[in-house]
Amino acid sequence: MILEASHRTQWHSGHCMQLACNKYGSHVLDCMWTASTLGFKEEIAQKLGMSLHQLQNDPVGHHIARNFALTHFVKWRKYWEEHQLGENKRRKMFSEILED
């Protein structure tokens, strides 16, 4: 998914938390996460990381916190980045295999 920079800033202003805590919105956010670049994932994680405690205590939001490894993002960002890069490489490899 590609969002222009101006739309990204507007979108991030408060919608991440609303989507993450919504039963349907969390699926949308999860799909966006899967299709996003590392930079965009960092932007989303930064916004959600500011409300990590609230997210972890939400019946729906705790799944997003787990799937996005937000605790790792907040505490061990270097390892989070390495993990995300590995996930991106793995997805790319499997998509190339499936295309053949």
PDB file of N, CA and C in Angstrom:
ATOM      1  N   MET A   1       0.840  -1.165   0.000  1.00  0.00           N
ATOM      2  CA  MET A   1       0.000   0.000   0.000  1.00  0.00           C
ATOM      3  C   MET A   1       0.887   1.230   0.000  1.00  0.00           C
ATOM      4  N   ILE A   2       0.576   2.161  -0.856  1.00  0.00           N
ATOM      5  CA  ILE A   2       1.376   3.370  -0.954  1.00  0.00           C
ATOM      6  C   ILE A   2       0.481   4.558  -0.627  1.00  0.00           C
ATOM      7  N   LEU A   3       0.870   5.306   0.372  1.00  0.00           N
ATOM      8  CA  LEU A   3       0.169   6.533   0.721  1.00  0.00           C
ATOM      9  C   LEU A   3       1.114   7.695   0.510  1.00  0.00           C
ATOM     10  N   GLU A   4       0.612   8.759  -0.085  1.00  0.00           N
ATOM     11  CA  GLU A   4       1.451   9.936  -0.262  1.00  0.00           C
ATOM     12  C   GLU A   4       1.757  10.529   1.103  1.00  0.00           C
ATOM     13  N   ALA A   5       2.880  11.227   1.206  1.00  0.00           N
ATOM     14  CA  ALA A   5       3.341  11.761   2.494  1.00  0.00           C
ATOM     15  C   ALA A   5       2.293  12.651   3.149  1.00  0.00           C
ATOM     16  N   SER A   6       1.613  13.493   2.384  1.00  0.00           N
ATOM     17  CA  SER A   6       0.618  14.396   2.973  1.00  0.00           C
ATOM     18  C   SER A   6      -0.551  13.614   3.555  1.00  0.00           C
ATOM     19  N   HIS A   7      -0.970  12.556   2.881  1.00  0.00           N
ATOM     20  CA  HIS A   7      -2.068  11.737   3.387  1.00  0.00           C
ATOM     21  C   HIS A   7      -1.625  10.917   4.589  1.00  0.00           C
ATOM     22  N   ARG A   8      -0.381  10.474   4.581  1.00  0.00           N
ATOM     23  CA  ARG A   8       0.145   9.696   5.698  1.00  0.00           C
ATOM     24  C   ARG A   8       0.090  10.492   6.986  1.00  0.00           C
ATOM     25  N   THR A   9       0.532  11.743   6.939  1.00  0.00           N
ATOM     26  CA  THR A   9       0.561  12.575   8.133  1.00  0.00           C
ATOM     27  C   THR A   9      -0.846  12.787   8.664  1.00  0.00           C
ATOM     28  N   GLN A  10      -1.785  13.077   7.779  1.00  0.00           N
ATOM     29  CA  GLN A  10      -3.168  13.267   8.197  1.00  0.00           C
ATOM     30  C   GLN A  10      -3.720  11.977   8.786  1.00  0.00           C
ATOM     31  N   TRP A  11      -3.457  10.881   8.125  1.00  0.00           N
ATOM     32  CA  TRP A  11      -4.004   9.603   8.544  1.00  0.00           C
ATOM     33  C   TRP A  11      -3.486   9.207   9.914  1.00  0.00           C
ATOM     34  N   HIS A  12      -2.228   9.464  10.163  1.00  0.00           N
ATOM     35  CA  HIS A  12      -1.617   9.042  11.423  1.00  0.00           C
ATOM     36  C   HIS A  12      -2.059   9.853  12.620  1.00  0.00           C
ATOM     37  N   SER A  13      -2.655  11.005  12.390  1.00  0.00           N
ATOM     38  CA  SER A  13      -2.923  11.912  13.501  1.00  0.00           C
ATOM     39  C   SER A  13      -3.751  11.288  14.616  1.00  0.00           C
ATOM     40  N   GLY A  14      -4.558  10.306  14.376  1.00  0.00           N
ATOM     41  CA  GLY A  14      -5.293   9.699  15.470  1.00  0.00           C
ATOM     42  C   GLY A  14      -6.022   8.435  15.081  1.00  0.00           C
ATOM     43  N   HIS A  15      -5.941   8.080  13.834  1.00  0.00           N
ATOM     44  CA  HIS A  15      -6.719   6.949  13.349  1.00  0.00           C
ATOM     45  C   HIS A  15      -6.103   5.596  13.685  1.00  0.00           C
ATOM     46  N   CYS A  16      -4.816   5.549  13.917  1.00  0.00           N
ATOM     47  CA  CYS A  16      -4.162   4.261  14.207  1.00  0.00           C
ATOM     48  C   CYS A  16      -4.779   3.594  15.425  1.00  0.00           C
ATOM     49  N   MET A  17      -4.931   4.340  16.489  1.00  0.00           N
ATOM     50  CA  MET A  17      -5.462   3.782  17.725  1.00  0.00           C
ATOM     51  C   MET A  17      -6.915   3.361  17.546  1.00  0.00           C
ATOM     52  N   GLN A  18      -7.691   4.168  16.824  1.00  0.00           N
ATOM     53  CA  GLN A  18      -9.093   3.823  16.583  1.00  0.00           C
ATOM     54  C   GLN A  18      -9.200   2.526  15.792  1.00  0.00           C
ATOM     55  N   LEU A  19      -8.379   2.396  14.764  1.00  0.00           N
ATOM     56  CA  LEU A  19      -8.400   1.169  13.964  1.00  0.00           C
ATOM     57  C   LEU A  19      -7.937  -0.029  14.781  1.00  0.00           C
ATOM     58  N   ALA A  20      -6.882   0.146  15.552  1.00  0.00           N
ATOM     59  CA  ALA A  20      -6.305  -0.956  16.319  1.00  0.00           C
ATOM     60  C   ALA A  20      -7.280  -1.507  17.356  1.00  0.00           C
ATOM     61  N   CYS A  21      -8.135  -0.669  17.890  1.00  0.00           N
ATOM     62  CA  CYS A  21      -9.062  -1.086  18.942  1.00  0.00           C
ATOM     63  C   CYS A  21     -10.446  -1.447  18.405  1.00  0.00           C
ATOM     64  N   ASN A  22     -10.589  -1.462  17.098  1.00  0.00           N
ATOM     65  CA  ASN A  22     -11.863  -1.797  16.475  1.00  0.00           C
ATOM     66  C   ASN A  22     -11.776  -3.199  15.885  1.00  0.00           C
ATOM     67  N   LYS A  23     -12.813  -3.975  16.090  1.00  0.00           N
ATOM     68  CA  LYS A  23     -12.820  -5.369  15.641  1.00  0.00           C
ATOM     69  C   LYS A  23     -12.596  -5.502  14.136  1.00  0.00           C
ATOM     70  N   TYR A  24     -13.134  -4.583  13.354  1.00  0.00           N
ATOM     71  CA  TYR A  24     -12.953  -4.624  11.897  1.00  0.00           C
ATOM     72  C   TYR A  24     -11.727  -3.821  11.475  1.00  0.00           C
ATOM     73  N   GLY A  25     -11.534  -2.696  12.127  1.00  0.00           N
ATOM     74  CA  GLY A  25     -10.400  -1.835  11.797  1.00  0.00           C
ATOM     75  C   GLY A  25      -9.060  -2.502  12.045  1.00  0.00           C
ATOM     76  N   SER A  26      -9.008  -3.383  13.035  1.00  0.00           N
ATOM     77  CA  SER A  26      -7.745  -4.067  13.327  1.00  0.00           C
ATOM     78  C   SER A  26      -7.328  -4.965  12.164  1.00  0.00           C
ATOM     79  N   HIS A  27      -8.298  -5.537  11.466  1.00  0.00           N
ATOM     80  CA  HIS A  27      -7.977  -6.360  10.293  1.00  0.00           C
ATOM     81  C   HIS A  27      -7.435  -5.496   9.158  1.00  0.00           C
ATOM     82  N   VAL A  28      -8.016  -4.311   9.000  1.00  0.00           N
ATOM     83  CA  VAL A  28      -7.534  -3.372   7.981  1.00  0.00           C
ATOM     84  C   VAL A  28      -6.101  -2.965   8.305  1.00  0.00           C
ATOM     85  N   LEU A  29      -5.861  -2.603   9.562  1.00  0.00           N
ATOM     86  CA  LEU A  29      -4.527  -2.190   9.989  1.00  0.00           C
ATOM     87  C   LEU A  29      -3.520  -3.330   9.819  1.00  0.00           C
ATOM     88  N   ASP A  30      -3.937  -4.541  10.111  1.00  0.00           N
ATOM     89  CA  ASP A  30      -3.066  -5.709   9.952  1.00  0.00           C
ATOM     90  C   ASP A  30      -2.689  -5.921   8.484  1.00  0.00           C
ATOM     91  N   CYS A  31      -3.650  -5.762   7.581  1.00  0.00           N
ATOM     92  CA  CYS A  31      -3.363  -5.898   6.139  1.00  0.00           C
ATOM     93  C   CYS A  31      -2.451  -4.778   5.654  1.00  0.00           C
ATOM     94  N   MET A  32      -2.677  -3.575   6.162  1.00  0.00           N
ATOM     95  CA  MET A  32      -1.815  -2.452   5.795  1.00  0.00           C
ATOM     96  C   MET A  32      -0.388  -2.724   6.258  1.00  0.00           C
ATOM     97  N   TRP A  33      -0.256  -3.268   7.444  1.00  0.00           N
ATOM     98  CA  TRP A  33       1.056  -3.584   8.014  1.00  0.00           C
ATOM     99  C   TRP A  33       1.801  -4.575   7.126  1.00  0.00           C
ATOM    100  N   THR A  34       1.095  -5.597   6.699  1.00  0.00           N
ATOM    101  CA  THR A  34       1.706  -6.635   5.870  1.00  0.00           C
ATOM    102  C   THR A  34       2.233  -6.070   4.554  1.00  0.00           C
ATOM    103  N   ALA A  35       1.507  -5.109   3.989  1.00  0.00           N
ATOM    104  CA  ALA A  35       1.871  -4.568   2.676  1.00  0.00           C
ATOM    105  C   ALA A  35       2.787  -3.347   2.757  1.00  0.00           C
ATOM    106  N   SER A  36       3.146  -2.915   3.947  1.00  0.00           N
ATOM    107  CA  SER A  36       3.887  -1.661   4.115  1.00  0.00           C
ATOM    108  C   SER A  36       5.397  -1.847   4.111  1.00  0.00           C
ATOM    109  N   THR A  37       6.071  -0.740   3.850  1.00  0.00           N
ATOM    110  CA  THR A  37       7.532  -0.702   3.919  1.00  0.00           C
ATOM    111  C   THR A  37       7.958  -0.561   5.376  1.00  0.00           C
ATOM    112  N   LEU A  38       9.234  -0.761   5.630  1.00  0.00           N
ATOM    113  CA  LEU A  38       9.750  -0.644   6.996  1.00  0.00           C
ATOM    114  C   LEU A  38       9.527   0.764   7.548  1.00  0.00           C
ATOM    115  N   GLY A  39       9.730   1.770   6.730  1.00  0.00           N
ATOM    116  CA  GLY A  39       9.539   3.149   7.183  1.00  0.00           C
ATOM    117  C   GLY A  39       8.115   3.428   7.617  1.00  0.00           C
ATOM    118  N   PHE A  40       7.164   2.924   6.850  1.00  0.00           N
ATOM    119  CA  PHE A  40       5.756   3.130   7.191  1.00  0.00           C
ATOM    120  C   PHE A  40       5.392   2.343   8.445  1.00  0.00           C
ATOM    121  N   LYS A  41       5.958   1.139   8.588  1.00  0.00           N
ATOM    122  CA  LYS A  41       5.719   0.345   9.792  1.00  0.00           C
ATOM    123  C   LYS A  41       6.242   1.077  11.024  1.00  0.00           C
ATOM    124  N   GLU A  42       7.401   1.719  10.884  1.00  0.00           N
ATOM    125  CA  GLU A  42       7.954   2.481  12.008  1.00  0.00           C
ATOM    126  C   GLU A  42       7.036   3.627  12.397  1.00  0.00           C
ATOM    127  N   GLU A  43       6.470   4.305  11.403  1.00  0.00           N
ATOM    128  CA  GLU A  43       5.548   5.407  11.690  1.00  0.00           C
ATOM    129  C   GLU A  43       4.324   4.903  12.449  1.00  0.00           C
ATOM    130  N   ILE A  44       3.761   3.796  11.999  1.00  0.00           N
ATOM    131  CA  ILE A  44       2.590   3.222  12.672  1.00  0.00           C
ATOM    132  C   ILE A  44       2.963   2.780  14.085  1.00  0.00           C
ATOM    133  N   ALA A  45       4.083   2.080  14.224  1.00  0.00           N
ATOM    134  CA  ALA A  45       4.523   1.592  15.535  1.00  0.00           C
ATOM    135  C   ALA A  45       4.797   2.747  16.492  1.00  0.00           C
ATOM    136  N   GLN A  46       5.345   3.839  15.971  1.00  0.00           N
ATOM    137  CA  GLN A  46       5.619   5.013  16.804  1.00  0.00           C
ATOM    138  C   GLN A  46       4.317   5.563  17.388  1.00  0.00           C
ATOM    139  N   LYS A  47       3.299   5.689  16.534  1.00  0.00           N
ATOM    140  CA  LYS A  47       2.005   6.203  17.000  1.00  0.00           C
ATOM    141  C   LYS A  47       1.359   5.255  18.004  1.00  0.00           C
ATOM    142  N   LEU A  48       1.363   3.974  17.696  1.00  0.00           N
ATOM    143  CA  LEU A  48       0.736   3.006  18.595  1.00  0.00           C
ATOM    144  C   LEU A  48       1.555   2.798  19.861  1.00  0.00           C
ATOM    145  N   GLY A  49       2.863   2.921  19.754  1.00  0.00           N
ATOM    146  CA  GLY A  49       3.737   2.746  20.910  1.00  0.00           C
ATOM    147  C   GLY A  49       3.504   3.780  21.999  1.00  0.00           C
ATOM    148  N   MET A  50       3.030   4.964  21.602  1.00  0.00           N
ATOM    149  CA  MET A  50       2.743   6.008  22.594  1.00  0.00           C
ATOM    150  C   MET A  50       1.577   5.616  23.497  1.00  0.00           C
ATOM    151  N   SER A  51       0.717   4.723  23.030  1.00  0.00           N
ATOM    152  CA  SER A  51      -0.436   4.266  23.811  1.00  0.00           C
ATOM    153  C   SER A  51      -0.376   2.760  24.038  1.00  0.00           C
ATOM    154  N   LEU A  52       0.817   2.240  24.186  1.00  0.00           N
ATOM    155  CA  LEU A  52       1.013   0.792  24.285  1.00  0.00           C
ATOM    156  C   LEU A  52       0.223   0.177  25.439  1.00  0.00           C
ATOM    157  N   HIS A  53       0.257   0.799  26.605  1.00  0.00           N
ATOM    158  CA  HIS A  53      -0.442   0.241  27.768  1.00  0.00           C
ATOM    159  C   HIS A  53      -1.943   0.151  27.501  1.00  0.00           C
ATOM    160  N   GLN A  54      -2.501   1.198  26.929  1.00  0.00           N
ATOM    161  CA  GLN A  54      -3.929   1.211  26.601  1.00  0.00           C
ATOM    162  C   GLN A  54      -4.241   0.129  25.562  1.00  0.00           C
ATOM    163  N   LEU A  55      -3.376  -0.010  24.595  1.00  0.00           N
ATOM    164  CA  LEU A  55      -3.561  -0.997  23.535  1.00  0.00           C
ATOM    165  C   LEU A  55      -3.495  -2.420  24.092  1.00  0.00           C
ATOM    166  N   GLN A  56      -2.558  -2.674  24.985  1.00  0.00           N
ATOM    167  CA  GLN A  56      -2.406  -4.007  25.571  1.00  0.00           C
ATOM    168  C   GLN A  56      -3.605  -4.396  26.435  1.00  0.00           C
ATOM    169  N   ASN A  57      -4.280  -3.410  26.989  1.00  0.00           N
ATOM    170  CA  ASN A  57      -5.438  -3.685  27.838  1.00  0.00           C
ATOM    171  C   ASN A  57      -6.754  -3.718  27.075  1.00  0.00           C
ATOM    172  N   ASP A  58      -6.721  -3.440  25.793  1.00  0.00           N
ATOM    173  CA  ASP A  58      -7.931  -3.457  24.976  1.00  0.00           C
ATOM    174  C   ASP A  58      -8.185  -4.882  24.477  1.00  0.00           C
ATOM    175  N   PRO A  59      -9.452  -5.343  24.501  1.00  0.00           N
ATOM    176  CA  PRO A  59      -9.748  -6.714  24.066  1.00  0.00           C
ATOM    177  C   PRO A  59      -9.368  -7.006  22.609  1.00  0.00           C
ATOM    178  N   VAL A  60      -9.411  -6.011  21.750  1.00  0.00           N
ATOM    179  CA  VAL A  60      -9.034  -6.193  20.345  1.00  0.00           C
ATOM    180  C   VAL A  60      -7.616  -5.695  20.112  1.00  0.00           C
ATOM    181  N   GLY A  61      -7.288  -4.575  20.707  1.00  0.00           N
ATOM    182  CA  GLY A  61      -5.998  -3.932  20.479  1.00  0.00           C
ATOM    183  C   GLY A  61      -4.800  -4.754  20.897  1.00  0.00           C
ATOM    184  N   HIS A  62      -4.976  -5.627  21.887  1.00  0.00           N
ATOM    185  CA  HIS A  62      -3.819  -6.419  22.329  1.00  0.00           C
ATOM    186  C   HIS A  62      -3.322  -7.356  21.227  1.00  0.00           C
ATOM    187  N   HIS A  63      -4.188  -7.729  20.300  1.00  0.00           N
ATOM    188  CA  HIS A  63      -3.746  -8.559  19.171  1.00  0.00           C
ATOM    189  C   HIS A  63      -2.824  -7.764  18.246  1.00  0.00           C
ATOM    190  N   ILE A  64      -3.158  -6.499  18.024  1.00  0.00           N
ATOM    191  CA  ILE A  64      -2.316  -5.630  17.192  1.00  0.00           C
ATOM    192  C   ILE A  64      -0.970  -5.419  17.880  1.00  0.00           C
ATOM    193  N   ALA A  65      -0.994  -5.169  19.194  1.00  0.00           N
ATOM    194  CA  ALA A  65       0.257  -4.969  19.939  1.00  0.00           C
ATOM    195  C   ALA A  65       1.155  -6.195  19.806  1.00  0.00           C
ATOM    196  N   ARG A  66       0.563  -7.374  19.852  1.00  0.00           N
ATOM    197  CA  ARG A  66       1.332  -8.614  19.711  1.00  0.00           C
ATOM    198  C   ARG A  66       1.821  -8.803  18.275  1.00  0.00           C
ATOM    199  N   ASN A  67       0.919  -8.656  17.296  1.00  0.00           N
ATOM    200  CA  ASN A  67       1.280  -8.887  15.890  1.00  0.00           C
ATOM    201  C   ASN A  67       2.348  -7.921  15.398  1.00  0.00           C
ATOM    202  N   PHE A  68       2.321  -6.693  15.891  1.00  0.00           N
ATOM    203  CA  PHE A  68       3.284  -5.680  15.454  1.00  0.00           C
ATOM    204  C   PHE A  68       4.523  -5.655  16.342  1.00  0.00           C
ATOM    205  N   ALA A  69       4.560  -6.509  17.362  1.00  0.00           N
ATOM    206  CA  ALA A  69       5.684  -6.589  18.305  1.00  0.00           C
ATOM    207  C   ALA A  69       6.001  -5.218  18.894  1.00  0.00           C
ATOM    208  N   LEU A  70       4.962  -4.531  19.356  1.00  0.00           N
ATOM    209  CA  LEU A  70       5.139  -3.163  19.841  1.00  0.00           C
ATOM    210  C   LEU A  70       5.971  -3.080  21.113  1.00  0.00           C
ATOM    211  N   THR A  71       5.917  -4.090  21.963  1.00  0.00           N
ATOM    212  CA  THR A  71       6.760  -4.079  23.158  1.00  0.00           C
ATOM    213  C   THR A  71       8.225  -4.078  22.749  1.00  0.00           C
ATOM    214  N   HIS A  72       8.561  -4.885  21.750  1.00  0.00           N
ATOM    215  CA  HIS A  72       9.935  -4.897  21.239  1.00  0.00           C
ATOM    216  C   HIS A  72      10.290  -3.561  20.605  1.00  0.00           C
ATOM    217  N   PHE A  73       9.332  -2.963  19.905  1.00  0.00           N
ATOM    218  CA  PHE A  73       9.585  -1.668  19.274  1.00  0.00           C
ATOM    219  C   PHE A  73       9.944  -0.625  20.330  1.00  0.00           C
ATOM    220  N   VAL A  74       9.213  -0.621  21.423  1.00  0.00           N
ATOM    221  CA  VAL A  74       9.434   0.373  22.475  1.00  0.00           C
ATOM    222  C   VAL A  74      10.723   0.090  23.247  1.00  0.00           C
ATOM    223  N   LYS A  75      10.991  -1.175  23.570  1.00  0.00           N
ATOM    224  CA  LYS A  75      12.127  -1.503  24.433  1.00  0.00           C
ATOM    225  C   LYS A  75      13.412  -1.824  23.680  1.00  0.00           C
ATOM    226  N   TRP A  76      13.293  -2.532  22.572  1.00  0.00           N
ATOM    227  CA  TRP A  76      14.474  -2.998  21.839  1.00  0.00           C
ATOM    228  C   TRP A  76      14.314  -2.719  20.351  1.00  0.00           C
ATOM    229  N   ARG A  77      14.367  -1.459  19.982  1.00  0.00           N
ATOM    230  CA  ARG A  77      14.062  -1.074  18.603  1.00  0.00           C
ATOM    231  C   ARG A  77      14.991  -1.733  17.583  1.00  0.00           C
ATOM    232  N   LYS A  78      16.268  -1.853  17.917  1.00  0.00           N
ATOM    233  CA  LYS A  78      17.219  -2.450  16.972  1.00  0.00           C
ATOM    234  C   LYS A  78      16.793  -3.871  16.599  1.00  0.00           C
ATOM    235  N   TYR A  79      16.421  -4.661  17.600  1.00  0.00           N
ATOM    236  CA  TYR A  79      15.994  -6.034  17.345  1.00  0.00           C
ATOM    237  C   TYR A  79      14.674  -6.065  16.583  1.00  0.00           C
ATOM    238  N   TRP A  80      13.792  -5.116  16.882  1.00  0.00           N
ATOM    239  CA  TRP A  80      12.520  -5.009  16.165  1.00  0.00           C
ATOM    240  C   TRP A  80      12.774  -4.745  14.683  1.00  0.00           C
ATOM    241  N   GLU A  81      13.684  -3.817  14.391  1.00  0.00           N
ATOM    242  CA  GLU A  81      14.000  -3.494  12.996  1.00  0.00           C
ATOM    243  C   GLU A  81      14.583  -4.703  12.272  1.00  0.00           C
ATOM    244  N   GLU A  82      15.483  -5.417  12.938  1.00  0.00           N
ATOM    245  CA  GLU A  82      16.073  -6.615  12.333  1.00  0.00           C
ATOM    246  C   GLU A  82      14.999  -7.663  12.038  1.00  0.00           C
ATOM    247  N   HIS A  83      14.085  -7.830  12.970  1.00  0.00           N
ATOM    248  CA  HIS A  83      12.998  -8.792  12.788  1.00  0.00           C
ATOM    249  C   HIS A  83      12.108  -8.389  11.611  1.00  0.00           C
ATOM    250  N   GLN A  84      11.779  -7.105  11.519  1.00  0.00           N
ATOM    251  CA  GLN A  84      10.927  -6.624  10.429  1.00  0.00           C
ATOM    252  C   GLN A  84      11.614  -6.783   9.079  1.00  0.00           C
ATOM    253  N   LEU A  85      12.908  -6.505   9.030  1.00  0.00           N
ATOM    254  CA  LEU A  85      13.652  -6.691   7.777  1.00  0.00           C
ATOM    255  C   LEU A  85      13.650  -8.162   7.365  1.00  0.00           C
ATOM    256  N   GLY A  86      13.822  -9.039   8.337  1.00  0.00           N
ATOM    257  CA  GLY A  86      13.779 -10.475   8.064  1.00  0.00           C
ATOM    258  C   GLY A  86      12.413 -10.915   7.550  1.00  0.00           C
ATOM    259  N   GLU A  87      11.354 -10.382   8.152  1.00  0.00           N
ATOM    260  CA  GLU A  87       9.995 -10.695   7.701  1.00  0.00           C
ATOM    261  C   GLU A  87       9.776 -10.227   6.270  1.00  0.00           C
ATOM    262  N   ASN A  88      10.242  -9.023   5.956  1.00  0.00           N
ATOM    263  CA  ASN A  88      10.086  -8.489   4.597  1.00  0.00           C
ATOM    264  C   ASN A  88      10.824  -9.360   3.587  1.00  0.00           C
ATOM    265  N   LYS A  89      12.038  -9.789   3.935  1.00  0.00           N
ATOM    266  CA  LYS A  89      12.815 -10.652   3.037  1.00  0.00           C
ATOM    267  C   LYS A  89      12.105 -11.990   2.830  1.00  0.00           C
ATOM    268  N   ARG A  90      11.578 -12.538   3.916  1.00  0.00           N
ATOM    269  CA  ARG A  90      10.881 -13.822   3.841  1.00  0.00           C
ATOM    270  C   ARG A  90       9.640 -13.719   2.957  1.00  0.00           C
ATOM    271  N   ARG A  91       8.867 -12.644   3.119  1.00  0.00           N
ATOM    272  CA  ARG A  91       7.678 -12.444   2.288  1.00  0.00           C
ATOM    273  C   ARG A  91       8.042 -12.314   0.817  1.00  0.00           C
ATOM    274  N   LYS A  92       9.104 -11.547   0.559  1.00  0.00           N
ATOM    275  CA  LYS A  92       9.542 -11.346  -0.822  1.00  0.00           C
ATOM    276  C   LYS A  92       9.982 -12.672  -1.438  1.00  0.00           C
ATOM    277  N   MET A  93      10.717 -13.461  -0.669  1.00  0.00           N
ATOM    278  CA  MET A  93      11.194 -14.747  -1.163  1.00  0.00           C
ATOM    279  C   MET A  93      10.017 -15.667  -1.507  1.00  0.00           C
ATOM    280  N   PHE A  94       9.032 -15.746  -0.610  1.00  0.00           N
ATOM    281  CA  PHE A  94       7.885 -16.609  -0.863  1.00  0.00           C
ATOM    282  C   PHE A  94       7.033 -16.101  -2.017  1.00  0.00           C
ATOM    283  N   SER A  95       6.916 -14.795  -2.164  1.00  0.00           N
ATOM    284  CA  SER A  95       6.137 -14.268  -3.291  1.00  0.00           C
ATOM    285  C   SER A  95       6.824 -14.587  -4.612  1.00  0.00           C
ATOM    286  N   GLU A  96       8.166 -14.559  -4.627  1.00  0.00           N
ATOM    287  CA  GLU A  96       8.906 -14.923  -5.838  1.00  0.00           C
ATOM    288  C   GLU A  96       8.733 -16.405  -6.152  1.00  0.00           C
ATOM    289  N   ILE A  97       8.726 -17.235  -5.134  1.00  0.00           N
ATOM    290  CA  ILE A  97       8.538 -18.672  -5.332  1.00  0.00           C
ATOM    291  C   ILE A  97       7.139 -18.945  -5.888  1.00  0.00           C
ATOM    292  N   LEU A  98       6.136 -18.266  -5.327  1.00  0.00           N
ATOM    293  CA  LEU A  98       4.762 -18.482  -5.767  1.00  0.00           C
ATOM    294  C   LEU A  98       4.516 -17.973  -7.182  1.00  0.00           C
ATOM    295  N   GLU A  99       5.276 -16.965  -7.604  1.00  0.00           N
ATOM    296  CA  GLU A  99       5.113 -16.427  -8.952  1.00  0.00           C
ATOM    297  C   GLU A  99       5.646 -17.381 -10.007  1.00  0.00           C
ATOM    298  N   ASP A 100       6.632 -18.190  -9.647  1.00  0.00           N
ATOM    299  CA  ASP A 100       7.241 -19.110 -10.629  1.00  0.00           C
ATOM    300  C   ASP A 100       6.329 -20.222 -11.034  1.00  0.00           C
TER     301      ASP A 100
END
